[in-house]
Amino acid sequence: MRGVMASLLFGLVSGTCDGAAYLTLHKMFTSNITGNLLLLGADWATDESQVKLNRLLAIPVFVAGVWLVRLAAGRLRRHGLPALRAMLLGMTVLLAIFFLLGMTLRPFPGQNAPNTLIVGMIGVIAMATLNVVARMWPALTAGTTAMTGNSVKTMVDLAELALGQRPNEPKLLHDSARLGLTVAAFVAGAALAALVHWQVGTWCTGLALIFAVLMVALWPKEPE
């Protein structure tokens, strides 16, 4: 049951953060980070002269964030400290800053505005941390950067299960169900962020923090 809740909250955290950033910070992705490449390509294809710094910076910041967070987690483990729990708490703190700065630095006048870049990059680093958590927490099987790939894996696994081509079928079915739950939760989280943004604007940036706190409440065991 804890694994199911972890998968559900993982999708909700990433979906709400991505939806809130896209709607509030001028169409920038914090979770599905490669979506920024698509938007940059669309900008250049339509002869947009101004470089969209929030989309352009999100990609190297995310990559560097994953590397630094994983490095920090490794160092914590070497000293016998609970690295996974530290990463969860760190992500939650980052999402709290994302929300607080989002509320205090608004409005966001443009994609290259300093307040847009500051809040956006904090959200990106928070989602980089979440992806490291996903690799460290055995209960999680998905990544926020490849929701399409998660969907494809789920459907392929279920098709091979129906064909009788996969061993250990009960575990496969269980893992595929959790992966599918994460994808559905991501979509639901993005839709929830859109609904809240429509009603109360920038307050939608606090949704991911709420689900992150619930995720921390699960307090996972450190993997061996």
N, C-alpha and C. Protein backbone atom coordinates (compact mmCIF):
# COMPACT_ATOMS: atom_id res chain seq x y z
N MET A 1 0.83 -1.21 0.00
CA MET A 1 0.00 0.00 0.00
C MET A 1 0.86 1.26 0.00
N ARG A 2 1.98 1.24 0.74
CA ARG A 2 2.86 2.39 0.77
C ARG A 2 3.45 2.65 -0.62
N GLY A 3 3.74 1.57 -1.36
CA GLY A 3 4.26 1.74 -2.71
C GLY A 3 3.24 2.37 -3.63
N VAL A 4 1.99 2.00 -3.48
CA VAL A 4 0.92 2.58 -4.29
C VAL A 4 0.77 4.06 -3.97
N MET A 5 0.78 4.42 -2.70
CA MET A 5 0.66 5.82 -2.30
C MET A 5 1.86 6.63 -2.78
N ALA A 6 3.05 6.03 -2.71
CA ALA A 6 4.24 6.73 -3.18
C ALA A 6 4.14 7.02 -4.68
N SER A 7 3.68 6.05 -5.45
CA SER A 7 3.52 6.23 -6.90
C SER A 7 2.48 7.30 -7.20
N LEU A 8 1.38 7.29 -6.45
CA LEU A 8 0.32 8.28 -6.64
C LEU A 8 0.83 9.69 -6.34
N LEU A 9 1.49 9.85 -5.20
CA LEU A 9 1.96 11.18 -4.79
C LEU A 9 3.09 11.66 -5.69
N PHE A 10 3.92 10.73 -6.15
CA PHE A 10 4.99 11.09 -7.08
C PHE A 10 4.41 11.74 -8.33
N GLY A 11 3.37 11.13 -8.90
CA GLY A 11 2.74 11.70 -10.08
C GLY A 11 2.07 13.03 -9.80
N LEU A 12 1.44 13.16 -8.63
CA LEU A 12 0.76 14.39 -8.28
C LEU A 12 1.74 15.55 -8.05
N VAL A 13 2.86 15.26 -7.39
CA VAL A 13 3.87 16.30 -7.18
C VAL A 13 4.39 16.82 -8.51
N SER A 14 4.80 15.90 -9.37
CA SER A 14 5.38 16.32 -10.65
C SER A 14 4.35 16.97 -11.56
N GLY A 15 3.11 16.45 -11.56
CA GLY A 15 2.07 17.02 -12.42
C GLY A 15 1.66 18.41 -12.01
N THR A 16 1.47 18.61 -10.70
CA THR A 16 1.06 19.94 -10.23
C THR A 16 2.17 20.96 -10.39
N CYS A 17 3.42 20.56 -10.16
CA CYS A 17 4.54 21.49 -10.33
C CYS A 17 4.69 21.87 -11.80
N ASP A 18 4.60 20.88 -12.68
CA ASP A 18 4.73 21.15 -14.11
C ASP A 18 3.59 22.05 -14.61
N GLY A 19 2.36 21.73 -14.20
CA GLY A 19 1.22 22.52 -14.64
C GLY A 19 1.28 23.94 -14.13
N ALA A 20 1.66 24.10 -12.86
CA ALA A 20 1.74 25.45 -12.27
C ALA A 20 2.83 26.27 -12.95
N ALA A 21 3.98 25.67 -13.20
CA ALA A 21 5.07 26.40 -13.85
C ALA A 21 4.69 26.79 -15.27
N TYR A 22 4.08 25.89 -15.99
CA TYR A 22 3.70 26.17 -17.38
C TYR A 22 2.72 27.33 -17.45
N LEU A 23 1.75 27.34 -16.55
CA LEU A 23 0.71 28.38 -16.59
C LEU A 23 1.16 29.70 -15.97
N THR A 24 2.05 29.63 -14.99
CA THR A 24 2.45 30.84 -14.27
C THR A 24 3.71 31.46 -14.84
N LEU A 25 4.65 30.65 -15.30
CA LEU A 25 5.97 31.13 -15.69
C LEU A 25 6.17 31.10 -17.20
N HIS A 26 5.13 31.44 -17.93
CA HIS A 26 5.21 31.62 -19.38
C HIS A 26 5.62 30.34 -20.11
N LYS A 27 4.88 29.28 -19.88
CA LYS A 27 5.02 28.03 -20.64
C LYS A 27 6.40 27.41 -20.52
N MET A 28 6.83 27.22 -19.29
CA MET A 28 8.09 26.52 -19.02
C MET A 28 7.79 25.24 -18.26
N PHE A 29 8.42 24.14 -18.67
CA PHE A 29 8.24 22.86 -17.99
C PHE A 29 9.32 22.68 -16.93
N THR A 30 8.91 22.21 -15.75
CA THR A 30 9.88 21.88 -14.71
C THR A 30 10.07 20.37 -14.56
N SER A 31 9.06 19.58 -14.93
CA SER A 31 9.13 18.12 -14.79
C SER A 31 9.45 17.45 -16.11
N ASN A 32 8.58 17.58 -17.09
CA ASN A 32 8.85 17.05 -18.43
C ASN A 32 9.82 17.99 -19.13
N ILE A 33 11.06 17.93 -18.69
CA ILE A 33 12.04 18.95 -19.03
C ILE A 33 12.32 18.99 -20.52
N THR A 34 12.21 17.86 -21.21
CA THR A 34 12.49 17.85 -22.64
C THR A 34 11.41 18.58 -23.43
N GLY A 35 10.27 18.84 -22.81
CA GLY A 35 9.25 19.64 -23.48
C GLY A 35 9.72 21.04 -23.79
N ASN A 36 10.71 21.53 -23.01
CA ASN A 36 11.27 22.84 -23.28
C ASN A 36 12.01 22.86 -24.62
N LEU A 37 12.62 21.72 -24.99
CA LEU A 37 13.28 21.64 -26.28
C LEU A 37 12.28 21.79 -27.42
N LEU A 38 11.12 21.15 -27.26
CA LEU A 38 10.07 21.26 -28.27
C LEU A 38 9.62 22.71 -28.42
N LEU A 39 9.40 23.39 -27.30
CA LEU A 39 8.94 24.77 -27.35
C LEU A 39 10.01 25.70 -27.92
N LEU A 40 11.28 25.43 -27.59
CA LEU A 40 12.36 26.23 -28.18
C LEU A 40 12.41 26.04 -29.69
N GLY A 41 12.26 24.80 -30.13
CA GLY A 41 12.25 24.53 -31.57
C GLY A 41 11.09 25.23 -32.25
N ALA A 42 9.92 25.23 -31.59
CA ALA A 42 8.77 25.91 -32.16
C ALA A 42 9.01 27.42 -32.24
N ASP A 43 9.68 27.98 -31.24
CA ASP A 43 10.01 29.41 -31.26
C ASP A 43 10.90 29.74 -32.46
N TRP A 44 11.94 28.94 -32.63
CA TRP A 44 12.87 29.21 -33.73
C TRP A 44 12.22 28.98 -35.09
N ALA A 45 11.33 28.00 -35.18
CA ALA A 45 10.65 27.72 -36.44
C ALA A 45 9.72 28.85 -36.85
N THR A 46 9.21 29.59 -35.87
CA THR A 46 8.30 30.69 -36.15
C THR A 46 9.01 32.04 -36.14
N ASP A 47 10.34 32.00 -36.26
CA ASP A 47 11.15 33.22 -36.35
C ASP A 47 11.02 34.12 -35.12
N GLU A 48 10.89 33.48 -33.95
CA GLU A 48 10.89 34.27 -32.72
C GLU A 48 12.32 34.79 -32.49
N SER A 49 12.48 36.09 -32.43
CA SER A 49 13.82 36.67 -32.35
C SER A 49 14.38 36.64 -30.92
N GLN A 50 13.52 36.69 -29.91
CA GLN A 50 13.98 36.76 -28.53
C GLN A 50 14.17 35.35 -27.96
N VAL A 51 15.36 35.11 -27.42
CA VAL A 51 15.63 33.82 -26.81
C VAL A 51 14.83 33.69 -25.52
N LYS A 52 14.15 32.56 -25.34
CA LYS A 52 13.37 32.32 -24.13
C LYS A 52 14.28 31.70 -23.08
N LEU A 53 14.84 32.55 -22.23
CA LEU A 53 15.85 32.07 -21.28
C LEU A 53 15.30 31.05 -20.29
N ASN A 54 14.03 31.20 -19.89
CA ASN A 54 13.50 30.26 -18.90
C ASN A 54 13.49 28.84 -19.45
N ARG A 55 13.13 28.68 -20.72
CA ARG A 55 13.14 27.35 -21.33
C ARG A 55 14.56 26.87 -21.60
N LEU A 56 15.41 27.79 -22.06
CA LEU A 56 16.78 27.41 -22.42
C LEU A 56 17.60 27.01 -21.19
N LEU A 57 17.46 27.75 -20.11
CA LEU A 57 18.24 27.46 -18.90
C LEU A 57 17.72 26.24 -18.16
N ALA A 58 16.44 25.92 -18.32
CA ALA A 58 15.85 24.82 -17.56
C ALA A 58 16.57 23.50 -17.83
N ILE A 59 17.04 23.30 -19.05
CA ILE A 59 17.64 22.02 -19.42
C ILE A 59 18.99 21.80 -18.73
N PRO A 60 19.98 22.71 -18.87
CA PRO A 60 21.25 22.50 -18.15
C PRO A 60 21.11 22.56 -16.64
N VAL A 61 20.20 23.39 -16.14
CA VAL A 61 20.00 23.47 -14.69
C VAL A 61 19.46 22.14 -14.17
N PHE A 62 18.53 21.52 -14.90
CA PHE A 62 17.98 20.23 -14.49
C PHE A 62 19.07 19.16 -14.47
N VAL A 63 19.84 19.10 -15.54
CA VAL A 63 20.90 18.09 -15.65
C VAL A 63 21.92 18.27 -14.54
N ALA A 64 22.35 19.51 -14.33
CA ALA A 64 23.32 19.77 -13.26
C ALA A 64 22.72 19.47 -11.89
N GLY A 65 21.43 19.77 -11.73
CA GLY A 65 20.76 19.50 -10.46
C GLY A 65 20.73 18.02 -10.14
N VAL A 66 20.41 17.19 -11.14
CA VAL A 66 20.39 15.74 -10.92
C VAL A 66 21.77 15.25 -10.50
N TRP A 67 22.80 15.72 -11.18
CA TRP A 67 24.17 15.29 -10.86
C TRP A 67 24.56 15.68 -9.45
N LEU A 68 24.30 16.93 -9.08
CA LEU A 68 24.69 17.42 -7.76
C LEU A 68 23.91 16.75 -6.64
N VAL A 69 22.60 16.54 -6.86
CA VAL A 69 21.77 15.91 -5.83
C VAL A 69 22.20 14.47 -5.63
N ARG A 70 22.45 13.76 -6.73
CA ARG A 70 22.87 12.35 -6.60
C ARG A 70 24.25 12.26 -5.93
N LEU A 71 25.11 13.21 -6.24
CA LEU A 71 26.42 13.25 -5.60
C LEU A 71 26.28 13.48 -4.11
N ALA A 72 25.39 14.40 -3.74
CA ALA A 72 25.16 14.68 -2.32
C ALA A 72 24.58 13.46 -1.61
N ALA A 73 23.66 12.77 -2.29
CA ALA A 73 23.06 11.57 -1.70
C ALA A 73 24.12 10.49 -1.46
N GLY A 74 25.03 10.34 -2.42
CA GLY A 74 26.10 9.35 -2.26
C GLY A 74 27.01 9.67 -1.08
N ARG A 75 27.30 10.93 -0.90
CA ARG A 75 28.16 11.34 0.22
C ARG A 75 27.46 11.11 1.56
N LEU A 76 26.15 11.38 1.60
CA LEU A 76 25.41 11.13 2.83
C LEU A 76 25.42 9.65 3.18
N ARG A 77 25.26 8.80 2.17
CA ARG A 77 25.26 7.35 2.43
C ARG A 77 26.61 6.87 2.94
N ARG A 78 27.68 7.45 2.41
CA ARG A 78 29.01 7.05 2.87
C ARG A 78 29.22 7.34 4.35
N HIS A 79 28.52 8.34 4.83
CA HIS A 79 28.62 8.70 6.24
C HIS A 79 27.51 8.06 7.09
N GLY A 80 26.78 7.13 6.49
CA GLY A 80 25.74 6.42 7.23
C GLY A 80 24.50 7.23 7.51
N LEU A 81 24.27 8.29 6.75
CA LEU A 81 23.10 9.15 6.95
C LEU A 81 21.97 8.77 6.01
N PRO A 82 20.71 9.05 6.37
CA PRO A 82 19.56 8.66 5.55
C PRO A 82 19.42 9.54 4.31
N ALA A 83 20.06 9.14 3.24
CA ALA A 83 20.12 9.96 2.03
C ALA A 83 18.75 10.14 1.38
N LEU A 84 17.97 9.07 1.29
CA LEU A 84 16.67 9.15 0.62
C LEU A 84 15.75 10.13 1.35
N ARG A 85 15.72 10.03 2.65
CA ARG A 85 14.87 10.95 3.43
C ARG A 85 15.37 12.38 3.31
N ALA A 86 16.68 12.55 3.26
CA ALA A 86 17.24 13.89 3.10
C ALA A 86 16.84 14.48 1.75
N MET A 87 16.83 13.65 0.70
CA MET A 87 16.43 14.14 -0.62
C MET A 87 14.95 14.53 -0.64
N LEU A 88 14.11 13.75 0.03
CA LEU A 88 12.69 14.08 0.11
C LEU A 88 12.47 15.40 0.84
N LEU A 89 13.17 15.57 1.95
CA LEU A 89 13.04 16.81 2.70
C LEU A 89 13.58 17.99 1.91
N GLY A 90 14.69 17.78 1.21
CA GLY A 90 15.25 18.84 0.40
C GLY A 90 14.31 19.26 -0.71
N MET A 91 13.68 18.29 -1.36
CA MET A 91 12.70 18.60 -2.41
C MET A 91 11.53 19.40 -1.84
N THR A 92 11.08 19.02 -0.66
CA THR A 92 9.96 19.72 -0.03
C THR A 92 10.32 21.16 0.31
N VAL A 93 11.53 21.36 0.81
CA VAL A 93 11.99 22.73 1.11
C VAL A 93 12.06 23.56 -0.17
N LEU A 94 12.56 22.96 -1.24
CA LEU A 94 12.64 23.68 -2.52
C LEU A 94 11.25 24.05 -3.03
N LEU A 95 10.29 23.16 -2.87
CA LEU A 95 8.93 23.46 -3.32
C LEU A 95 8.29 24.53 -2.44
N ALA A 96 8.66 24.56 -1.17
CA ALA A 96 8.17 25.63 -0.30
C ALA A 96 8.72 26.98 -0.75
N ILE A 97 10.01 27.01 -1.13
CA ILE A 97 10.60 28.25 -1.64
C ILE A 97 9.97 28.62 -2.97
N PHE A 98 9.72 27.63 -3.81
CA PHE A 98 9.06 27.85 -5.10
C PHE A 98 7.70 28.53 -4.91
N PHE A 99 6.96 28.06 -3.92
CA PHE A 99 5.64 28.64 -3.64
C PHE A 99 5.76 30.05 -3.04
N LEU A 100 6.61 30.20 -2.04
CA LEU A 100 6.73 31.49 -1.36
C LEU A 100 7.25 32.58 -2.30
N LEU A 101 8.26 32.27 -3.09
CA LEU A 101 8.77 33.26 -4.03
C LEU A 101 7.77 33.50 -5.16
N GLY A 102 7.06 32.45 -5.54
CA GLY A 102 6.04 32.63 -6.56
C GLY A 102 4.97 33.61 -6.14
N MET A 103 4.64 33.60 -4.86
CA MET A 103 3.61 34.51 -4.35
C MET A 103 4.16 35.91 -4.10
N THR A 104 5.43 36.01 -3.70
CA THR A 104 5.98 37.33 -3.34
C THR A 104 6.58 38.07 -4.53
N LEU A 105 7.07 37.35 -5.52
CA LEU A 105 7.71 37.99 -6.67
C LEU A 105 6.78 38.21 -7.85
N ARG A 106 5.53 37.77 -7.73
CA ARG A 106 4.58 37.99 -8.83
C ARG A 106 4.26 39.47 -8.96
N PRO A 107 3.80 39.92 -10.12
CA PRO A 107 3.54 39.16 -11.35
C PRO A 107 4.83 38.90 -12.13
N PHE A 108 4.75 38.00 -13.07
CA PHE A 108 5.90 37.62 -13.89
C PHE A 108 5.72 38.23 -15.28
N PRO A 109 6.43 39.33 -15.56
CA PRO A 109 6.16 40.09 -16.77
C PRO A 109 6.58 39.42 -18.08
N GLY A 110 7.56 38.54 -18.02
CA GLY A 110 8.01 37.92 -19.26
C GLY A 110 8.89 36.72 -18.99
N GLN A 111 9.23 36.00 -20.06
CA GLN A 111 10.01 34.77 -19.92
C GLN A 111 11.44 35.02 -19.48
N ASN A 112 11.98 36.19 -19.80
CA ASN A 112 13.36 36.50 -19.46
C ASN A 112 13.49 37.39 -18.23
N ALA A 113 12.37 37.68 -17.57
CA ALA A 113 12.40 38.53 -16.38
C ALA A 113 13.14 37.82 -15.25
N PRO A 114 13.93 38.54 -14.45
CA PRO A 114 14.69 37.90 -13.36
C PRO A 114 13.83 37.10 -12.40
N ASN A 115 12.65 37.62 -12.03
CA ASN A 115 11.81 36.87 -11.08
C ASN A 115 11.28 35.58 -11.71
N THR A 116 10.99 35.61 -13.01
CA THR A 116 10.56 34.39 -13.70
C THR A 116 11.66 33.34 -13.68
N LEU A 117 12.89 33.77 -13.95
CA LEU A 117 14.02 32.84 -14.00
C LEU A 117 14.33 32.26 -12.62
N ILE A 118 14.28 33.10 -11.58
CA ILE A 118 14.60 32.63 -10.23
C ILE A 118 13.59 31.57 -9.78
N VAL A 119 12.32 31.89 -9.88
CA VAL A 119 11.28 30.94 -9.44
C VAL A 119 11.29 29.69 -10.30
N GLY A 120 11.45 29.87 -11.60
CA GLY A 120 11.45 28.72 -12.50
C GLY A 120 12.58 27.76 -12.22
N MET A 121 13.80 28.28 -12.00
CA MET A 121 14.94 27.40 -11.78
C MET A 121 14.84 26.67 -10.44
N ILE A 122 14.22 27.29 -9.45
CA ILE A 122 14.00 26.60 -8.18
C ILE A 122 13.06 25.41 -8.39
N GLY A 123 12.01 25.62 -9.18
CA GLY A 123 11.10 24.52 -9.50
C GLY A 123 11.81 23.41 -10.26
N VAL A 124 12.70 23.78 -11.17
CA VAL A 124 13.45 22.79 -11.95
C VAL A 124 14.34 21.95 -11.04
N ILE A 125 15.04 22.60 -10.11
CA ILE A 125 15.92 21.87 -9.19
C ILE A 125 15.11 20.95 -8.27
N ALA A 126 13.92 21.43 -7.86
CA ALA A 126 13.05 20.57 -7.04
C ALA A 126 12.66 19.31 -7.80
N MET A 127 12.35 19.44 -9.09
CA MET A 127 11.97 18.27 -9.88
C MET A 127 13.18 17.40 -10.22
N ALA A 128 14.36 17.99 -10.32
CA ALA A 128 15.57 17.20 -10.48
C ALA A 128 15.77 16.32 -9.24
N THR A 129 15.53 16.91 -8.07
CA THR A 129 15.65 16.16 -6.82
C THR A 129 14.62 15.03 -6.77
N LEU A 130 13.41 15.30 -7.24
CA LEU A 130 12.37 14.27 -7.26
C LEU A 130 12.77 13.10 -8.14
N ASN A 131 13.44 13.38 -9.25
CA ASN A 131 13.87 12.29 -10.13
C ASN A 131 14.98 11.45 -9.50
N VAL A 132 15.83 12.08 -8.70
CA VAL A 132 16.83 11.31 -7.96
C VAL A 132 16.14 10.43 -6.92
N VAL A 133 15.14 10.98 -6.25
CA VAL A 133 14.35 10.20 -5.29
C VAL A 133 13.75 8.97 -5.97
N ALA A 134 13.25 9.16 -7.20
CA ALA A 134 12.62 8.05 -7.92
C ALA A 134 13.61 6.93 -8.20
N ARG A 135 14.87 7.27 -8.42
CA ARG A 135 15.88 6.25 -8.66
C ARG A 135 16.32 5.56 -7.38
N MET A 136 16.18 6.24 -6.25
CA MET A 136 16.65 5.70 -4.98
C MET A 136 15.58 4.95 -4.21
N TRP A 137 14.31 5.26 -4.46
CA TRP A 137 13.19 4.67 -3.70
C TRP A 137 12.67 3.46 -4.47
N PRO A 138 12.89 2.25 -3.96
CA PRO A 138 12.49 1.05 -4.70
C PRO A 138 10.99 0.99 -5.01
N ALA A 139 10.17 1.69 -4.23
CA ALA A 139 8.72 1.65 -4.46
C ALA A 139 8.32 2.39 -5.73
N LEU A 140 9.20 3.24 -6.24
CA LEU A 140 8.89 4.04 -7.42
C LEU A 140 9.52 3.42 -8.66
N THR A 141 8.78 3.45 -9.76
CA THR A 141 9.26 2.85 -11.00
C THR A 141 9.23 3.83 -12.17
N ALA A 142 8.85 5.09 -11.92
CA ALA A 142 8.67 6.05 -13.00
C ALA A 142 9.65 7.19 -12.86
N GLY A 143 9.69 8.03 -13.90
CA GLY A 143 10.46 9.26 -13.88
C GLY A 143 9.63 10.39 -14.45
N THR A 144 9.75 11.57 -13.90
CA THR A 144 8.91 12.67 -14.37
C THR A 144 9.32 13.19 -15.73
N THR A 145 10.54 12.85 -16.17
CA THR A 145 11.03 13.39 -17.43
C THR A 145 10.58 12.61 -18.64
N ALA A 146 9.91 11.50 -18.46
CA ALA A 146 9.56 10.65 -19.60
C ALA A 146 8.18 10.02 -19.40
N MET A 147 7.17 10.86 -19.24
CA MET A 147 5.83 10.31 -19.04
C MET A 147 5.34 9.53 -20.26
N THR A 148 5.76 9.94 -21.45
CA THR A 148 5.40 9.17 -22.63
C THR A 148 6.05 7.80 -22.57
N GLY A 149 7.33 7.76 -22.20
CA GLY A 149 8.02 6.48 -22.06
C GLY A 149 7.42 5.62 -20.98
N ASN A 150 6.96 6.24 -19.88
CA ASN A 150 6.28 5.47 -18.83
C ASN A 150 5.02 4.83 -19.37
N SER A 151 4.26 5.57 -20.17
CA SER A 151 3.02 5.05 -20.75
C SER A 151 3.31 3.90 -21.71
N VAL A 152 4.34 4.07 -22.54
CA VAL A 152 4.70 3.02 -23.49
C VAL A 152 5.12 1.76 -22.75
N LYS A 153 5.95 1.91 -21.72
CA LYS A 153 6.41 0.74 -20.96
C LYS A 153 5.23 0.00 -20.33
N THR A 154 4.28 0.75 -19.79
CA THR A 154 3.11 0.13 -19.17
C THR A 154 2.34 -0.72 -20.17
N MET A 155 2.07 -0.14 -21.35
CA MET A 155 1.28 -0.84 -22.35
C MET A 155 2.03 -2.05 -22.93
N VAL A 156 3.34 -1.91 -23.15
CA VAL A 156 4.13 -3.03 -23.66
C VAL A 156 4.16 -4.17 -22.65
N ASP A 157 4.37 -3.83 -21.37
CA ASP A 157 4.38 -4.85 -20.32
C ASP A 157 3.06 -5.60 -20.26
N LEU A 158 1.96 -4.87 -20.32
CA LEU A 158 0.65 -5.51 -20.25
C LEU A 158 0.37 -6.36 -21.48
N ALA A 159 0.85 -5.92 -22.66
CA ALA A 159 0.66 -6.71 -23.87
C ALA A 159 1.45 -8.01 -23.81
N GLU A 160 2.69 -7.93 -23.33
CA GLU A 160 3.51 -9.13 -23.21
C GLU A 160 2.98 -10.05 -22.13
N LEU A 161 2.38 -9.47 -21.10
CA LEU A 161 1.74 -10.28 -20.07
C LEU A 161 0.56 -11.05 -20.65
N ALA A 162 -0.23 -10.38 -21.49
CA ALA A 162 -1.38 -11.04 -22.12
C ALA A 162 -0.94 -12.15 -23.07
N LEU A 163 0.23 -11.97 -23.68
CA LEU A 163 0.76 -12.98 -24.60
C LEU A 163 1.48 -14.13 -23.88
N GLY A 164 1.64 -13.99 -22.57
CA GLY A 164 2.32 -15.02 -21.79
C GLY A 164 3.82 -15.06 -22.03
N GLN A 165 4.40 -13.90 -22.42
CA GLN A 165 5.82 -13.87 -22.75
C GLN A 165 6.70 -13.39 -21.61
N ARG A 166 6.09 -13.07 -20.48
CA ARG A 166 6.87 -12.53 -19.38
C ARG A 166 6.79 -13.42 -18.15
N PRO A 167 7.93 -13.72 -17.50
CA PRO A 167 7.92 -14.46 -16.24
C PRO A 167 7.52 -13.56 -15.08
N ASN A 168 7.31 -14.18 -13.93
CA ASN A 168 7.00 -13.44 -12.71
C ASN A 168 5.82 -12.50 -12.94
N GLU A 169 4.74 -13.05 -13.46
CA GLU A 169 3.61 -12.23 -13.89
C GLU A 169 2.95 -11.43 -12.78
N PRO A 170 2.76 -11.96 -11.58
CA PRO A 170 2.13 -11.13 -10.54
C PRO A 170 2.92 -9.86 -10.26
N LYS A 171 4.26 -9.94 -10.18
CA LYS A 171 5.07 -8.76 -9.93
C LYS A 171 5.00 -7.79 -11.11
N LEU A 172 5.02 -8.32 -12.33
CA LEU A 172 4.94 -7.48 -13.51
C LEU A 172 3.63 -6.70 -13.53
N LEU A 173 2.54 -7.39 -13.22
CA LEU A 173 1.24 -6.73 -13.21
C LEU A 173 1.19 -5.64 -12.14
N HIS A 174 1.77 -5.94 -11.00
CA HIS A 174 1.79 -4.97 -9.90
C HIS A 174 2.61 -3.74 -10.29
N ASP A 175 3.81 -3.95 -10.87
CA ASP A 175 4.67 -2.83 -11.26
C ASP A 175 4.03 -2.00 -12.36
N SER A 176 3.40 -2.67 -13.33
CA SER A 176 2.76 -1.95 -14.43
C SER A 176 1.58 -1.12 -13.92
N ALA A 177 0.85 -1.66 -12.95
CA ALA A 177 -0.28 -0.92 -12.39
C ALA A 177 0.21 0.33 -11.68
N ARG A 178 1.31 0.22 -10.94
CA ARG A 178 1.84 1.40 -10.23
C ARG A 178 2.39 2.43 -11.21
N LEU A 179 3.01 1.95 -12.29
CA LEU A 179 3.51 2.87 -13.30
C LEU A 179 2.37 3.61 -13.98
N GLY A 180 1.32 2.86 -14.31
CA GLY A 180 0.14 3.49 -14.90
C GLY A 180 -0.52 4.47 -13.95
N LEU A 181 -0.51 4.16 -12.65
CA LEU A 181 -1.07 5.06 -11.65
C LEU A 181 -0.29 6.37 -11.61
N THR A 182 1.03 6.30 -11.73
CA THR A 182 1.86 7.49 -11.72
C THR A 182 1.54 8.38 -12.91
N VAL A 183 1.39 7.78 -14.09
CA VAL A 183 1.06 8.55 -15.29
C VAL A 183 -0.30 9.23 -15.13
N ALA A 184 -1.29 8.46 -14.65
CA ALA A 184 -2.63 9.03 -14.44
C ALA A 184 -2.60 10.16 -13.41
N ALA A 185 -1.81 9.97 -12.35
CA ALA A 185 -1.70 11.01 -11.32
C ALA A 185 -1.03 12.26 -11.86
N PHE A 186 -0.05 12.07 -12.74
CA PHE A 186 0.60 13.22 -13.36
C PHE A 186 -0.40 14.05 -14.16
N VAL A 187 -1.20 13.37 -14.97
CA VAL A 187 -2.22 14.06 -15.77
C VAL A 187 -3.23 14.75 -14.87
N ALA A 188 -3.66 14.04 -13.82
CA ALA A 188 -4.63 14.63 -12.88
C ALA A 188 -4.02 15.83 -12.16
N GLY A 189 -2.74 15.74 -11.80
CA GLY A 189 -2.08 16.86 -11.14
C GLY A 189 -1.99 18.09 -12.03
N ALA A 190 -1.65 17.87 -13.29
CA ALA A 190 -1.58 19.00 -14.23
C ALA A 190 -2.96 19.64 -14.41
N ALA A 191 -4.00 18.79 -14.50
CA ALA A 191 -5.36 19.32 -14.63
C ALA A 191 -5.78 20.08 -13.38
N LEU A 192 -5.40 19.57 -12.20
CA LEU A 192 -5.72 20.26 -10.95
C LEU A 192 -5.03 21.62 -10.89
N ALA A 193 -3.77 21.67 -11.31
CA ALA A 193 -3.05 22.94 -11.33
C ALA A 193 -3.74 23.95 -12.25
N ALA A 194 -4.21 23.47 -13.40
CA ALA A 194 -4.92 24.35 -14.34
C ALA A 194 -6.21 24.88 -13.72
N LEU A 195 -6.93 24.02 -13.03
CA LEU A 195 -8.18 24.42 -12.41
C LEU A 195 -7.94 25.47 -11.32
N VAL A 196 -6.94 25.21 -10.47
CA VAL A 196 -6.64 26.16 -9.39
C VAL A 196 -6.12 27.47 -9.97
N HIS A 197 -5.30 27.40 -11.01
CA HIS A 197 -4.80 28.63 -11.64
C HIS A 197 -5.95 29.45 -12.21
N TRP A 198 -6.91 28.79 -12.78
CA TRP A 198 -8.07 29.48 -13.35
C TRP A 198 -8.87 30.19 -12.25
N GLN A 199 -8.91 29.60 -11.07
CA GLN A 199 -9.68 30.16 -9.97
C GLN A 199 -8.91 31.21 -9.17
N VAL A 200 -7.67 30.91 -8.82
CA VAL A 200 -6.93 31.80 -7.90
C VAL A 200 -5.52 32.14 -8.38
N GLY A 201 -5.21 31.89 -9.62
CA GLY A 201 -3.94 32.32 -10.19
C GLY A 201 -2.72 31.64 -9.59
N THR A 202 -1.76 32.45 -9.14
CA THR A 202 -0.45 31.96 -8.72
C THR A 202 -0.50 31.03 -7.52
N TRP A 203 -1.59 31.00 -6.79
CA TRP A 203 -1.72 30.08 -5.65
C TRP A 203 -1.53 28.62 -6.07
N CYS A 204 -1.67 28.34 -7.35
CA CYS A 204 -1.49 26.96 -7.82
C CYS A 204 -0.08 26.45 -7.59
N THR A 205 0.89 27.37 -7.40
CA THR A 205 2.27 26.94 -7.15
C THR A 205 2.43 26.24 -5.80
N GLY A 206 1.43 26.31 -4.95
CA GLY A 206 1.50 25.63 -3.65
C GLY A 206 1.00 24.21 -3.66
N LEU A 207 0.41 23.77 -4.76
CA LEU A 207 -0.15 22.41 -4.80
C LEU A 207 0.92 21.35 -4.66
N ALA A 208 2.02 21.50 -5.39
CA ALA A 208 3.09 20.49 -5.33
C ALA A 208 3.64 20.36 -3.92
N LEU A 209 3.71 21.49 -3.19
CA LEU A 209 4.20 21.45 -1.81
C LEU A 209 3.29 20.59 -0.94
N ILE A 210 1.99 20.71 -1.11
CA ILE A 210 1.04 19.92 -0.31
C ILE A 210 1.28 18.43 -0.51
N PHE A 211 1.41 18.02 -1.77
CA PHE A 211 1.60 16.59 -2.06
C PHE A 211 3.00 16.13 -1.65
N ALA A 212 3.98 17.03 -1.70
CA ALA A 212 5.33 16.67 -1.26
C ALA A 212 5.36 16.39 0.24
N VAL A 213 4.63 17.21 1.01
CA VAL A 213 4.54 16.98 2.46
C VAL A 213 3.92 15.62 2.74
N LEU A 214 2.89 15.26 2.01
CA LEU A 214 2.27 13.94 2.17
C LEU A 214 3.24 12.83 1.79
N MET A 215 4.07 13.09 0.79
CA MET A 215 5.06 12.10 0.37
C MET A 215 6.10 11.89 1.46
N VAL A 216 6.53 12.99 2.09
CA VAL A 216 7.48 12.88 3.19
C VAL A 216 6.88 12.10 4.35
N ALA A 217 5.56 12.27 4.55
CA ALA A 217 4.89 11.58 5.66
C ALA A 217 4.97 10.06 5.55
N LEU A 218 5.19 9.56 4.33
CA LEU A 218 5.36 8.10 4.17
C LEU A 218 6.67 7.64 4.77
N TRP A 219 7.65 8.54 4.84
CA TRP A 219 8.95 8.29 5.48
C TRP A 219 9.53 6.94 5.10
N PRO A 220 10.01 6.82 3.85
CA PRO A 220 10.47 5.52 3.35
C PRO A 220 11.71 5.00 4.08
N LYS A 221 11.85 3.69 4.07
CA LYS A 221 13.05 3.08 4.60
C LYS A 221 14.20 3.28 3.63
N GLU A 222 15.38 3.41 4.16
CA GLU A 222 16.54 3.57 3.30
C GLU A 222 16.84 2.25 2.59
N PRO A 223 17.01 2.28 1.25
CA PRO A 223 17.36 1.05 0.54
C PRO A 223 18.76 0.59 0.91
N GLU A 224 18.97 -0.70 0.87
CA GLU A 224 20.30 -1.24 1.21
C GLU A 224 21.27 -1.00 0.09
